[in-house]
Amino acid sequence: MTETAHHRTTRASYDEVAEDYDRLLRDQLANMPFDRAMLGVFAERVLDGGGGLVGDLGCGPGRITTYLEKLGLDAFGIDLSPQMVAVARQAYPGLRFDVGSMTALDLRDGSLAGALAWYSTVHTPPEELPAVFSEFHRVLAPGGHLLMAFKVGDECVHLDHAYGHDLSLDVYRYPPERISELLGRAGFEEVARLVRAADGPREGSPQAYLLARRPV
């Protein structure tokens, strides 16, 4: 997929906030029991299938990538923002982090046992989701699992300020039924779905987790 204006804006915004984003969110997982539960289920499914390489697609500063590694997965991260990747490499020098785009992953067909998209599609406009999900399907091996986390709703919220910085980001909220439908069209089958209430005004909307599988 050709890089668009929103790709460039998203990259620039996360390059700007990378260090403060890492500082503010690095230890947040300790207070997120639903996040840990779903990541644990994902890790178990991948390991039960024989394990293999797991891509944290849109990894940011690597906080979830390292958690996957602690769960026993052979995890690495890819992110659109070079500065996010630089922060991740410095924080977790024992793990692999690459600059790249979810719309054109530099990965062989069927090379992943698992793929994680942890809020990394929240800046993706609706018309681009089918191509992104097709790319996820391409890089997952048959029997491989995909875990997504995303914001629930049916609107776009524009951010002019976040993580202590002025920026410009569109944040898309999606109905879980729509995400499941698009994943199905891309060739996935849904395994599990969890929707929880917003954790106070900080989140602003319910949050969803969706586990899917590329059929054998």
N, C-alpha and C. Protein backbone atom coordinates (compact mmCIF):
# COMPACT_ATOMS: atom_id res chain seq x y z
N MET A 1 0.85 -1.20 0.00
CA MET A 1 0.00 0.00 0.00
C MET A 1 0.88 1.25 0.00
N THR A 2 0.56 2.22 -0.83
CA THR A 2 1.31 3.46 -0.89
C THR A 2 1.15 4.25 0.41
N GLU A 3 2.25 4.84 0.87
CA GLU A 3 2.19 5.63 2.10
C GLU A 3 1.30 6.85 1.87
N THR A 4 0.44 7.13 2.85
CA THR A 4 -0.49 8.24 2.75
C THR A 4 -0.11 9.34 3.72
N ALA A 5 -0.84 10.45 3.65
CA ALA A 5 -0.58 11.58 4.53
C ALA A 5 -0.76 11.20 6.00
N HIS A 6 -1.74 10.37 6.28
CA HIS A 6 -1.96 10.02 7.69
C HIS A 6 -0.84 9.13 8.23
N HIS A 7 -0.20 8.32 7.37
CA HIS A 7 0.98 7.58 7.80
C HIS A 7 2.10 8.53 8.22
N ARG A 8 2.32 9.55 7.41
CA ARG A 8 3.38 10.50 7.72
C ARG A 8 3.06 11.28 8.99
N THR A 9 1.80 11.67 9.17
CA THR A 9 1.40 12.40 10.36
C THR A 9 1.52 11.53 11.60
N THR A 10 1.12 10.28 11.50
CA THR A 10 1.22 9.36 12.63
C THR A 10 2.67 9.15 13.02
N ARG A 11 3.54 8.94 12.03
CA ARG A 11 4.96 8.75 12.31
C ARG A 11 5.54 9.98 13.01
N ALA A 12 5.25 11.15 12.48
CA ALA A 12 5.79 12.38 13.06
C ALA A 12 5.30 12.59 14.49
N SER A 13 4.02 12.28 14.74
CA SER A 13 3.46 12.47 16.08
C SER A 13 4.13 11.54 17.08
N TYR A 14 4.31 10.29 16.71
CA TYR A 14 4.92 9.35 17.66
C TYR A 14 6.42 9.54 17.79
N ASP A 15 7.07 10.03 16.76
CA ASP A 15 8.47 10.44 16.93
C ASP A 15 8.58 11.54 17.98
N GLU A 16 7.63 12.46 17.96
CA GLU A 16 7.65 13.59 18.90
C GLU A 16 7.43 13.14 20.33
N VAL A 17 6.53 12.20 20.56
CA VAL A 17 6.13 11.86 21.93
C VAL A 17 6.84 10.62 22.48
N ALA A 18 7.72 9.99 21.71
CA ALA A 18 8.22 8.65 22.04
C ALA A 18 8.75 8.53 23.47
N GLU A 19 9.62 9.43 23.88
CA GLU A 19 10.24 9.30 25.20
C GLU A 19 9.22 9.49 26.32
N ASP A 20 8.34 10.47 26.18
CA ASP A 20 7.33 10.68 27.22
C ASP A 20 6.28 9.58 27.21
N TYR A 21 5.92 9.07 26.05
CA TYR A 21 5.01 7.94 25.95
C TYR A 21 5.57 6.75 26.73
N ASP A 22 6.84 6.46 26.52
CA ASP A 22 7.48 5.36 27.23
C ASP A 22 7.48 5.61 28.74
N ARG A 23 7.81 6.80 29.14
CA ARG A 23 7.87 7.12 30.57
C ARG A 23 6.51 6.97 31.23
N LEU A 24 5.46 7.39 30.55
CA LEU A 24 4.12 7.38 31.13
C LEU A 24 3.48 5.99 31.13
N LEU A 25 3.82 5.15 30.15
CA LEU A 25 3.10 3.89 29.98
C LEU A 25 3.92 2.64 30.29
N ARG A 26 5.20 2.77 30.53
CA ARG A 26 6.06 1.58 30.63
C ARG A 26 5.55 0.58 31.67
N ASP A 27 5.10 1.04 32.82
CA ASP A 27 4.69 0.13 33.89
C ASP A 27 3.17 -0.02 33.99
N GLN A 28 2.43 0.47 33.02
CA GLN A 28 0.97 0.49 33.10
C GLN A 28 0.36 -0.90 33.12
N LEU A 29 1.00 -1.86 32.48
CA LEU A 29 0.44 -3.20 32.37
C LEU A 29 0.21 -3.83 33.74
N ALA A 30 0.99 -3.45 34.73
CA ALA A 30 0.83 -4.00 36.08
C ALA A 30 -0.54 -3.69 36.66
N ASN A 31 -1.19 -2.64 36.17
CA ASN A 31 -2.50 -2.24 36.67
C ASN A 31 -3.64 -2.57 35.70
N MET A 32 -3.37 -3.43 34.71
CA MET A 32 -4.35 -3.74 33.67
C MET A 32 -4.61 -5.25 33.64
N PRO A 33 -5.46 -5.76 34.53
CA PRO A 33 -5.66 -7.22 34.61
C PRO A 33 -6.27 -7.82 33.35
N PHE A 34 -7.17 -7.12 32.69
CA PHE A 34 -7.76 -7.68 31.47
C PHE A 34 -6.71 -7.77 30.37
N ASP A 35 -5.85 -6.77 30.28
CA ASP A 35 -4.77 -6.81 29.28
C ASP A 35 -3.88 -8.03 29.52
N ARG A 36 -3.47 -8.21 30.76
CA ARG A 36 -2.58 -9.34 31.07
C ARG A 36 -3.28 -10.67 30.80
N ALA A 37 -4.57 -10.74 31.11
CA ALA A 37 -5.31 -11.99 30.89
C ALA A 37 -5.35 -12.35 29.41
N MET A 38 -5.67 -11.38 28.57
CA MET A 38 -5.78 -11.67 27.14
C MET A 38 -4.42 -11.97 26.52
N LEU A 39 -3.40 -11.26 26.97
CA LEU A 39 -2.05 -11.56 26.48
C LEU A 39 -1.63 -12.96 26.91
N GLY A 40 -2.04 -13.36 28.12
CA GLY A 40 -1.72 -14.71 28.59
C GLY A 40 -2.40 -15.78 27.76
N VAL A 41 -3.67 -15.58 27.42
CA VAL A 41 -4.39 -16.54 26.57
C VAL A 41 -3.72 -16.63 25.20
N PHE A 42 -3.39 -15.49 24.65
CA PHE A 42 -2.72 -15.45 23.34
C PHE A 42 -1.41 -16.24 23.40
N ALA A 43 -0.61 -16.01 24.43
CA ALA A 43 0.67 -16.72 24.56
C ALA A 43 0.46 -18.22 24.67
N GLU A 44 -0.52 -18.63 25.46
CA GLU A 44 -0.80 -20.06 25.61
C GLU A 44 -1.21 -20.69 24.28
N ARG A 45 -2.05 -20.00 23.53
CA ARG A 45 -2.50 -20.55 22.23
C ARG A 45 -1.32 -20.71 21.28
N VAL A 46 -0.44 -19.71 21.24
CA VAL A 46 0.72 -19.79 20.35
C VAL A 46 1.63 -20.94 20.77
N LEU A 47 1.90 -21.05 22.07
CA LEU A 47 2.78 -22.11 22.56
C LEU A 47 2.16 -23.48 22.39
N ASP A 48 0.84 -23.59 22.60
CA ASP A 48 0.16 -24.87 22.40
C ASP A 48 0.23 -25.32 20.94
N GLY A 49 0.34 -24.35 20.04
CA GLY A 49 0.45 -24.68 18.62
C GLY A 49 1.87 -25.00 18.18
N GLY A 50 2.79 -25.04 19.13
CA GLY A 50 4.18 -25.37 18.82
C GLY A 50 5.13 -24.20 18.89
N GLY A 51 4.59 -23.00 19.16
CA GLY A 51 5.45 -21.83 19.27
C GLY A 51 5.95 -21.34 17.92
N GLY A 52 6.90 -20.43 17.98
CA GLY A 52 7.43 -19.83 16.77
C GLY A 52 7.52 -18.33 16.92
N LEU A 53 7.89 -17.67 15.87
CA LEU A 53 8.12 -16.23 15.89
C LEU A 53 6.80 -15.48 16.04
N VAL A 54 6.81 -14.47 16.91
CA VAL A 54 5.62 -13.65 17.17
C VAL A 54 5.96 -12.19 16.94
N GLY A 55 5.17 -11.52 16.10
CA GLY A 55 5.40 -10.12 15.78
C GLY A 55 4.46 -9.21 16.55
N ASP A 56 5.03 -8.26 17.28
CA ASP A 56 4.26 -7.19 17.92
C ASP A 56 4.20 -6.05 16.91
N LEU A 57 3.10 -5.97 16.19
CA LEU A 57 2.98 -5.09 15.03
C LEU A 57 2.42 -3.74 15.45
N GLY A 58 3.29 -2.74 15.45
CA GLY A 58 2.96 -1.44 16.04
C GLY A 58 3.36 -1.45 17.50
N CYS A 59 4.61 -1.82 17.75
CA CYS A 59 5.08 -2.14 19.10
C CYS A 59 5.34 -0.93 19.98
N GLY A 60 5.41 0.28 19.38
CA GLY A 60 5.75 1.44 20.19
C GLY A 60 7.09 1.26 20.87
N PRO A 61 7.21 1.63 22.16
CA PRO A 61 8.49 1.53 22.86
C PRO A 61 8.78 0.14 23.42
N GLY A 62 8.01 -0.86 23.03
CA GLY A 62 8.38 -2.24 23.32
C GLY A 62 7.88 -2.82 24.62
N ARG A 63 7.01 -2.12 25.34
CA ARG A 63 6.60 -2.61 26.65
C ARG A 63 5.80 -3.91 26.56
N ILE A 64 4.99 -4.07 25.51
CA ILE A 64 4.23 -5.31 25.35
C ILE A 64 5.12 -6.40 24.75
N THR A 65 6.03 -6.02 23.88
CA THR A 65 6.95 -7.01 23.30
C THR A 65 7.72 -7.73 24.38
N THR A 66 8.24 -6.98 25.34
CA THR A 66 9.02 -7.62 26.40
C THR A 66 8.13 -8.46 27.31
N TYR A 67 6.87 -8.07 27.47
CA TYR A 67 5.96 -8.88 28.26
C TYR A 67 5.70 -10.22 27.56
N LEU A 68 5.53 -10.19 26.26
CA LEU A 68 5.35 -11.44 25.50
C LEU A 68 6.57 -12.34 25.66
N GLU A 69 7.74 -11.74 25.65
CA GLU A 69 8.96 -12.53 25.82
C GLU A 69 9.00 -13.18 27.20
N LYS A 70 8.53 -12.47 28.21
CA LYS A 70 8.48 -13.03 29.57
C LYS A 70 7.47 -14.16 29.67
N LEU A 71 6.46 -14.15 28.79
CA LEU A 71 5.48 -15.23 28.76
C LEU A 71 5.98 -16.45 27.98
N GLY A 72 7.20 -16.37 27.49
CA GLY A 72 7.81 -17.52 26.81
C GLY A 72 7.77 -17.48 25.30
N LEU A 73 7.35 -16.33 24.73
CA LEU A 73 7.25 -16.23 23.28
C LEU A 73 8.54 -15.68 22.66
N ASP A 74 8.81 -16.09 21.45
CA ASP A 74 9.94 -15.57 20.67
C ASP A 74 9.44 -14.32 19.95
N ALA A 75 9.41 -13.21 20.68
CA ALA A 75 8.74 -12.00 20.21
C ALA A 75 9.73 -10.95 19.71
N PHE A 76 9.29 -10.21 18.71
CA PHE A 76 10.01 -9.05 18.21
C PHE A 76 9.00 -7.97 17.87
N GLY A 77 9.48 -6.73 17.68
CA GLY A 77 8.57 -5.62 17.43
C GLY A 77 8.85 -4.89 16.13
N ILE A 78 7.78 -4.36 15.56
CA ILE A 78 7.86 -3.50 14.37
C ILE A 78 7.04 -2.26 14.65
N ASP A 79 7.57 -1.08 14.31
CA ASP A 79 6.81 0.15 14.50
C ASP A 79 7.11 1.13 13.39
N LEU A 80 6.11 1.95 13.08
CA LEU A 80 6.23 2.96 12.03
C LEU A 80 7.19 4.08 12.42
N SER A 81 7.31 4.34 13.73
CA SER A 81 8.08 5.47 14.23
C SER A 81 9.53 5.09 14.53
N PRO A 82 10.50 5.65 13.82
CA PRO A 82 11.90 5.36 14.12
C PRO A 82 12.29 5.72 15.56
N GLN A 83 11.71 6.79 16.10
CA GLN A 83 12.06 7.18 17.45
C GLN A 83 11.50 6.20 18.47
N MET A 84 10.30 5.68 18.24
CA MET A 84 9.76 4.63 19.11
C MET A 84 10.67 3.41 19.10
N VAL A 85 11.13 3.03 17.92
CA VAL A 85 12.02 1.88 17.81
C VAL A 85 13.33 2.15 18.53
N ALA A 86 13.85 3.36 18.45
CA ALA A 86 15.08 3.70 19.15
C ALA A 86 14.91 3.59 20.66
N VAL A 87 13.77 4.05 21.17
CA VAL A 87 13.50 3.94 22.61
C VAL A 87 13.39 2.48 23.01
N ALA A 88 12.71 1.68 22.20
CA ALA A 88 12.55 0.26 22.50
C ALA A 88 13.90 -0.46 22.51
N ARG A 89 14.74 -0.17 21.55
CA ARG A 89 16.05 -0.82 21.49
C ARG A 89 16.90 -0.48 22.70
N GLN A 90 16.80 0.76 23.15
CA GLN A 90 17.58 1.17 24.33
C GLN A 90 17.03 0.52 25.60
N ALA A 91 15.69 0.43 25.70
CA ALA A 91 15.07 -0.12 26.91
C ALA A 91 15.23 -1.64 26.99
N TYR A 92 15.17 -2.31 25.84
CA TYR A 92 15.18 -3.77 25.82
C TYR A 92 16.20 -4.27 24.79
N PRO A 93 17.50 -4.12 25.10
CA PRO A 93 18.54 -4.42 24.09
C PRO A 93 18.60 -5.88 23.69
N GLY A 94 17.99 -6.76 24.46
CA GLY A 94 18.02 -8.17 24.11
C GLY A 94 16.96 -8.59 23.11
N LEU A 95 16.08 -7.66 22.73
CA LEU A 95 15.01 -7.98 21.80
C LEU A 95 15.22 -7.27 20.47
N ARG A 96 14.58 -7.78 19.44
CA ARG A 96 14.69 -7.21 18.10
C ARG A 96 13.54 -6.24 17.85
N PHE A 97 13.89 -5.05 17.35
CA PHE A 97 12.89 -4.05 16.97
C PHE A 97 13.27 -3.47 15.62
N ASP A 98 12.30 -3.41 14.71
CA ASP A 98 12.53 -2.91 13.36
C ASP A 98 11.56 -1.79 13.03
N VAL A 99 11.99 -0.87 12.19
CA VAL A 99 11.10 0.15 11.65
C VAL A 99 10.35 -0.45 10.46
N GLY A 100 9.04 -0.28 10.45
CA GLY A 100 8.26 -0.83 9.35
C GLY A 100 6.80 -0.44 9.47
N SER A 101 6.04 -0.75 8.44
CA SER A 101 4.63 -0.40 8.38
C SER A 101 3.76 -1.65 8.33
N MET A 102 2.64 -1.64 9.05
CA MET A 102 1.70 -2.75 9.01
C MET A 102 1.08 -2.94 7.64
N THR A 103 1.11 -1.91 6.81
CA THR A 103 0.51 -2.01 5.49
C THR A 103 1.41 -2.71 4.48
N ALA A 104 2.70 -2.88 4.83
CA ALA A 104 3.65 -3.55 3.93
C ALA A 104 4.76 -4.15 4.79
N LEU A 105 4.45 -5.24 5.48
CA LEU A 105 5.39 -5.85 6.40
C LEU A 105 6.52 -6.54 5.65
N ASP A 106 7.74 -6.31 6.09
CA ASP A 106 8.91 -6.93 5.47
C ASP A 106 9.12 -8.30 6.10
N LEU A 107 8.13 -9.17 5.91
CA LEU A 107 8.13 -10.51 6.47
C LEU A 107 7.68 -11.50 5.40
N ARG A 108 8.24 -12.70 5.46
CA ARG A 108 7.87 -13.72 4.49
C ARG A 108 6.43 -14.21 4.74
N ASP A 109 5.79 -14.70 3.72
CA ASP A 109 4.46 -15.30 3.85
C ASP A 109 4.52 -16.43 4.87
N GLY A 110 3.56 -16.45 5.80
CA GLY A 110 3.45 -17.53 6.76
C GLY A 110 4.60 -17.67 7.73
N SER A 111 5.32 -16.58 7.98
CA SER A 111 6.52 -16.67 8.81
C SER A 111 6.26 -16.50 10.31
N LEU A 112 5.04 -16.09 10.69
CA LEU A 112 4.75 -15.84 12.10
C LEU A 112 3.81 -16.90 12.67
N ALA A 113 4.10 -17.31 13.91
CA ALA A 113 3.19 -18.17 14.65
C ALA A 113 2.11 -17.36 15.36
N GLY A 114 2.41 -16.08 15.59
CA GLY A 114 1.46 -15.21 16.25
C GLY A 114 1.71 -13.77 15.86
N ALA A 115 0.65 -12.97 15.86
CA ALA A 115 0.75 -11.54 15.56
C ALA A 115 -0.10 -10.78 16.56
N LEU A 116 0.46 -9.69 17.06
CA LEU A 116 -0.24 -8.84 18.02
C LEU A 116 -0.42 -7.46 17.41
N ALA A 117 -1.64 -6.96 17.47
CA ALA A 117 -1.94 -5.58 17.05
C ALA A 117 -2.59 -4.89 18.25
N TRP A 118 -1.75 -4.42 19.16
CA TRP A 118 -2.19 -3.90 20.45
C TRP A 118 -2.45 -2.41 20.34
N TYR A 119 -3.68 -2.05 20.02
CA TYR A 119 -4.09 -0.67 19.80
C TYR A 119 -3.34 -0.04 18.62
N SER A 120 -2.70 -0.85 17.81
CA SER A 120 -1.89 -0.29 16.72
C SER A 120 -2.70 -0.01 15.46
N THR A 121 -3.98 -0.37 15.44
CA THR A 121 -4.82 -0.02 14.29
C THR A 121 -5.73 1.17 14.60
N VAL A 122 -5.55 1.81 15.75
CA VAL A 122 -6.47 2.89 16.15
C VAL A 122 -6.32 4.13 15.28
N HIS A 123 -5.23 4.23 14.55
CA HIS A 123 -5.05 5.38 13.65
C HIS A 123 -5.30 5.01 12.19
N THR A 124 -5.82 3.82 11.96
CA THR A 124 -6.07 3.34 10.61
C THR A 124 -7.49 3.67 10.17
N PRO A 125 -7.66 4.44 9.10
CA PRO A 125 -9.01 4.76 8.62
C PRO A 125 -9.75 3.51 8.18
N PRO A 126 -11.08 3.53 8.22
CA PRO A 126 -11.87 2.33 7.88
C PRO A 126 -11.54 1.74 6.52
N GLU A 127 -11.29 2.59 5.55
CA GLU A 127 -11.07 2.08 4.20
C GLU A 127 -9.74 1.33 4.06
N GLU A 128 -8.84 1.49 5.03
CA GLU A 128 -7.54 0.81 4.96
C GLU A 128 -7.50 -0.48 5.76
N LEU A 129 -8.49 -0.72 6.60
CA LEU A 129 -8.47 -1.91 7.44
C LEU A 129 -8.42 -3.21 6.64
N PRO A 130 -9.19 -3.37 5.55
CA PRO A 130 -9.12 -4.64 4.83
C PRO A 130 -7.72 -4.98 4.34
N ALA A 131 -6.99 -3.99 3.85
CA ALA A 131 -5.63 -4.25 3.37
C ALA A 131 -4.70 -4.61 4.52
N VAL A 132 -4.86 -3.96 5.67
CA VAL A 132 -4.04 -4.27 6.84
C VAL A 132 -4.32 -5.69 7.32
N PHE A 133 -5.59 -6.08 7.38
CA PHE A 133 -5.94 -7.42 7.84
C PHE A 133 -5.47 -8.48 6.85
N SER A 134 -5.50 -8.18 5.58
CA SER A 134 -4.96 -9.11 4.59
C SER A 134 -3.46 -9.30 4.78
N GLU A 135 -2.78 -8.23 5.15
CA GLU A 135 -1.34 -8.33 5.41
C GLU A 135 -1.08 -9.17 6.66
N PHE A 136 -1.88 -9.00 7.69
CA PHE A 136 -1.76 -9.85 8.88
C PHE A 136 -1.94 -11.32 8.50
N HIS A 137 -2.94 -11.59 7.68
CA HIS A 137 -3.21 -12.97 7.25
C HIS A 137 -2.04 -13.52 6.44
N ARG A 138 -1.46 -12.70 5.60
CA ARG A 138 -0.35 -13.15 4.76
C ARG A 138 0.84 -13.62 5.59
N VAL A 139 1.19 -12.87 6.63
CA VAL A 139 2.42 -13.18 7.38
C VAL A 139 2.21 -14.25 8.45
N LEU A 140 0.96 -14.56 8.79
CA LEU A 140 0.69 -15.61 9.77
C LEU A 140 0.69 -16.99 9.10
N ALA A 141 1.30 -17.94 9.77
CA ALA A 141 1.25 -19.31 9.29
C ALA A 141 -0.14 -19.89 9.54
N PRO A 142 -0.56 -20.87 8.75
CA PRO A 142 -1.81 -21.56 9.04
C PRO A 142 -1.81 -22.09 10.48
N GLY A 143 -2.89 -21.83 11.20
CA GLY A 143 -2.98 -22.18 12.60
C GLY A 143 -2.48 -21.10 13.53
N GLY A 144 -1.88 -20.05 12.97
CA GLY A 144 -1.36 -18.95 13.78
C GLY A 144 -2.47 -18.07 14.33
N HIS A 145 -2.16 -17.39 15.43
CA HIS A 145 -3.16 -16.56 16.11
C HIS A 145 -2.83 -15.07 16.01
N LEU A 146 -3.89 -14.28 15.92
CA LEU A 146 -3.81 -12.82 15.93
C LEU A 146 -4.60 -12.32 17.13
N LEU A 147 -4.00 -11.44 17.93
CA LEU A 147 -4.71 -10.79 19.03
C LEU A 147 -4.72 -9.29 18.76
N MET A 148 -5.92 -8.71 18.78
CA MET A 148 -6.08 -7.27 18.60
C MET A 148 -6.68 -6.65 19.86
N ALA A 149 -6.24 -5.45 20.19
CA ALA A 149 -6.89 -4.61 21.20
C ALA A 149 -7.22 -3.30 20.52
N PHE A 150 -8.43 -2.77 20.77
CA PHE A 150 -8.84 -1.54 20.11
C PHE A 150 -9.93 -0.85 20.92
N LYS A 151 -10.22 0.38 20.55
CA LYS A 151 -11.21 1.20 21.23
C LYS A 151 -12.58 0.98 20.59
N VAL A 152 -13.59 0.85 21.42
CA VAL A 152 -14.93 0.53 20.93
C VAL A 152 -15.74 1.80 20.69
N GLY A 153 -16.43 1.84 19.57
CA GLY A 153 -17.28 2.97 19.21
C GLY A 153 -17.52 2.95 17.73
N ASP A 154 -17.90 4.08 17.19
CA ASP A 154 -18.13 4.18 15.75
C ASP A 154 -17.89 5.61 15.31
N GLU A 155 -16.71 6.14 15.68
CA GLU A 155 -16.40 7.52 15.37
C GLU A 155 -14.89 7.73 15.33
N CYS A 156 -14.51 8.90 14.86
CA CYS A 156 -13.11 9.32 14.83
C CYS A 156 -12.95 10.51 15.78
N VAL A 157 -11.96 10.42 16.66
CA VAL A 157 -11.66 11.49 17.60
C VAL A 157 -10.31 12.08 17.22
N HIS A 158 -10.24 13.39 17.08
CA HIS A 158 -8.98 14.02 16.72
C HIS A 158 -8.27 14.53 17.97
N LEU A 159 -6.98 14.22 18.07
CA LEU A 159 -6.16 14.68 19.19
C LEU A 159 -5.19 15.75 18.71
N ASP A 160 -5.20 16.87 19.40
CA ASP A 160 -4.23 17.94 19.14
C ASP A 160 -3.14 17.99 20.21
N HIS A 161 -3.37 17.27 21.31
CA HIS A 161 -2.39 17.27 22.40
C HIS A 161 -2.47 15.94 23.14
N ALA A 162 -1.32 15.33 23.38
CA ALA A 162 -1.28 14.07 24.13
C ALA A 162 0.15 13.82 24.60
N TYR A 163 0.27 13.14 25.74
CA TYR A 163 1.57 12.78 26.30
C TYR A 163 2.47 13.99 26.50
N GLY A 164 1.83 15.14 26.77
CA GLY A 164 2.57 16.35 27.05
C GLY A 164 3.06 17.09 25.82
N HIS A 165 2.54 16.76 24.64
CA HIS A 165 3.03 17.37 23.40
C HIS A 165 1.86 17.77 22.51
N ASP A 166 2.07 18.81 21.72
CA ASP A 166 1.14 19.14 20.64
C ASP A 166 1.40 18.19 19.47
N LEU A 167 0.34 17.67 18.90
CA LEU A 167 0.47 16.72 17.79
C LEU A 167 -0.82 16.74 16.97
N SER A 168 -0.92 15.85 16.02
CA SER A 168 -2.13 15.74 15.21
C SER A 168 -2.38 14.28 14.90
N LEU A 169 -3.37 13.69 15.59
CA LEU A 169 -3.66 12.27 15.42
C LEU A 169 -5.17 12.05 15.35
N ASP A 170 -5.60 11.27 14.38
CA ASP A 170 -6.97 10.79 14.35
C ASP A 170 -7.00 9.42 15.03
N VAL A 171 -7.94 9.26 15.97
CA VAL A 171 -8.09 8.00 16.70
C VAL A 171 -9.46 7.43 16.34
N TYR A 172 -9.46 6.23 15.76
CA TYR A 172 -10.70 5.60 15.30
C TYR A 172 -11.18 4.58 16.32
N ARG A 173 -12.47 4.64 16.62
CA ARG A 173 -13.13 3.63 17.45
C ARG A 173 -14.01 2.78 16.55
N TYR A 174 -13.99 1.47 16.78
CA TYR A 174 -14.70 0.55 15.90
C TYR A 174 -15.60 -0.40 16.69
N PRO A 175 -16.77 -0.75 16.14
CA PRO A 175 -17.59 -1.79 16.75
C PRO A 175 -16.89 -3.14 16.63
N PRO A 176 -16.86 -3.93 17.69
CA PRO A 176 -16.22 -5.26 17.58
C PRO A 176 -16.80 -6.11 16.46
N GLU A 177 -18.11 -5.99 16.21
CA GLU A 177 -18.73 -6.78 15.15
C GLU A 177 -18.14 -6.44 13.79
N ARG A 178 -17.80 -5.16 13.59
CA ARG A 178 -17.22 -4.74 12.32
C ARG A 178 -15.80 -5.30 12.16
N ILE A 179 -15.01 -5.25 13.23
CA ILE A 179 -13.66 -5.80 13.17
C ILE A 179 -13.72 -7.30 12.89
N SER A 180 -14.61 -8.00 13.56
CA SER A 180 -14.74 -9.44 13.36
C SER A 180 -15.15 -9.75 11.91
N GLU A 181 -16.06 -8.96 11.37
CA GLU A 181 -16.51 -9.17 9.99
C GLU A 181 -15.35 -8.98 9.01
N LEU A 182 -14.57 -7.91 9.20
CA LEU A 182 -13.46 -7.65 8.29
C LEU A 182 -12.37 -8.71 8.42
N LEU A 183 -12.13 -9.18 9.63
CA LEU A 183 -11.16 -10.26 9.80
C LEU A 183 -11.63 -11.52 9.09
N GLY A 184 -12.93 -11.79 9.18
CA GLY A 184 -13.48 -12.95 8.49
C GLY A 184 -13.29 -12.86 7.00
N ARG A 185 -13.51 -11.67 6.45
CA ARG A 185 -13.32 -11.48 5.00
C ARG A 185 -11.86 -11.66 4.60
N ALA A 186 -10.94 -11.37 5.54
CA ALA A 186 -9.52 -11.53 5.26
C ALA A 186 -9.06 -12.98 5.42
N GLY A 187 -9.95 -13.85 5.90
CA GLY A 187 -9.61 -15.26 6.01
C GLY A 187 -9.42 -15.76 7.42
N PHE A 188 -9.70 -14.93 8.44
CA PHE A 188 -9.56 -15.35 9.83
C PHE A 188 -10.87 -15.92 10.36
N GLU A 189 -10.76 -16.71 11.41
CA GLU A 189 -11.92 -17.14 12.17
C GLU A 189 -11.77 -16.62 13.60
N GLU A 190 -12.84 -16.05 14.14
CA GLU A 190 -12.80 -15.53 15.50
C GLU A 190 -12.74 -16.67 16.51
N VAL A 191 -11.88 -16.52 17.51
CA VAL A 191 -11.74 -17.50 18.59
C VAL A 191 -12.40 -17.00 19.87
N ALA A 192 -12.18 -15.72 20.20
CA ALA A 192 -12.73 -15.16 21.43
C ALA A 192 -12.79 -13.65 21.31
N ARG A 193 -13.71 -13.08 22.12
CA ARG A 193 -13.89 -11.64 22.12
C ARG A 193 -14.23 -11.19 23.54
N LEU A 194 -13.61 -10.10 23.97
CA LEU A 194 -13.92 -9.54 25.29
C LEU A 194 -14.06 -8.03 25.14
N VAL A 195 -15.14 -7.48 25.67
CA VAL A 195 -15.34 -6.04 25.70
C VAL A 195 -15.49 -5.63 27.16
N ARG A 196 -14.74 -4.63 27.57
CA ARG A 196 -14.83 -4.15 28.95
C ARG A 196 -15.17 -2.66 28.96
N ALA A 197 -15.67 -2.20 30.11
CA ALA A 197 -15.98 -0.79 30.26
C ALA A 197 -14.70 0.04 30.30
N ALA A 198 -14.84 1.31 29.97
CA ALA A 198 -13.70 2.23 30.06
C ALA A 198 -13.22 2.31 31.50
N ASP A 199 -11.92 2.35 31.68
CA ASP A 199 -11.31 2.47 33.00
C ASP A 199 -11.18 3.95 33.35
N GLY A 200 -12.32 4.58 33.62
CA GLY A 200 -12.32 5.99 33.97
C GLY A 200 -12.25 6.89 32.75
N PRO A 201 -12.22 8.21 32.98
CA PRO A 201 -12.22 9.17 31.87
C PRO A 201 -10.96 9.13 31.02
N ARG A 202 -9.90 8.54 31.55
CA ARG A 202 -8.65 8.46 30.79
C ARG A 202 -8.85 7.70 29.48
N GLU A 203 -9.66 6.65 29.50
CA GLU A 203 -9.85 5.85 28.29
C GLU A 203 -10.97 6.40 27.40
N GLY A 204 -12.02 6.89 27.98
CA GLY A 204 -13.04 7.58 27.20
C GLY A 204 -14.03 6.71 26.46
N SER A 205 -13.77 5.42 26.33
CA SER A 205 -14.69 4.52 25.63
C SER A 205 -14.41 3.10 26.10
N PRO A 206 -15.36 2.18 25.89
CA PRO A 206 -15.07 0.76 26.16
C PRO A 206 -13.88 0.29 25.32
N GLN A 207 -13.28 -0.80 25.78
CA GLN A 207 -12.12 -1.37 25.10
C GLN A 207 -12.42 -2.81 24.72
N ALA A 208 -11.90 -3.24 23.59
CA ALA A 208 -12.17 -4.59 23.10
C ALA A 208 -10.87 -5.34 22.84
N TYR A 209 -10.95 -6.65 23.04
CA TYR A 209 -9.87 -7.58 22.71
C TYR A 209 -10.48 -8.66 21.83
N LEU A 210 -9.84 -8.97 20.71
CA LEU A 210 -10.36 -9.97 19.81
C LEU A 210 -9.25 -10.91 19.40
N LEU A 211 -9.44 -12.20 19.69
CA LEU A 211 -8.49 -13.23 19.33
C LEU A 211 -9.01 -13.97 18.11
N ALA A 212 -8.19 -14.05 17.08
CA ALA A 212 -8.59 -14.72 15.84
C ALA A 212 -7.49 -15.68 15.41
N ARG A 213 -7.83 -16.54 14.49
CA ARG A 213 -6.91 -17.60 14.06
C ARG A 213 -6.96 -17.72 12.54
N ARG A 214 -5.80 -17.94 11.95
CA ARG A 214 -5.77 -18.30 10.52
C ARG A 214 -5.99 -19.80 10.43
N PRO A 215 -7.07 -20.23 9.81
CA PRO A 215 -7.36 -21.67 9.77
C PRO A 215 -6.25 -22.48 9.09
N VAL A 216 -6.12 -23.71 9.50
CA VAL A 216 -5.16 -24.62 8.87
C VAL A 216 -5.71 -25.05 7.52
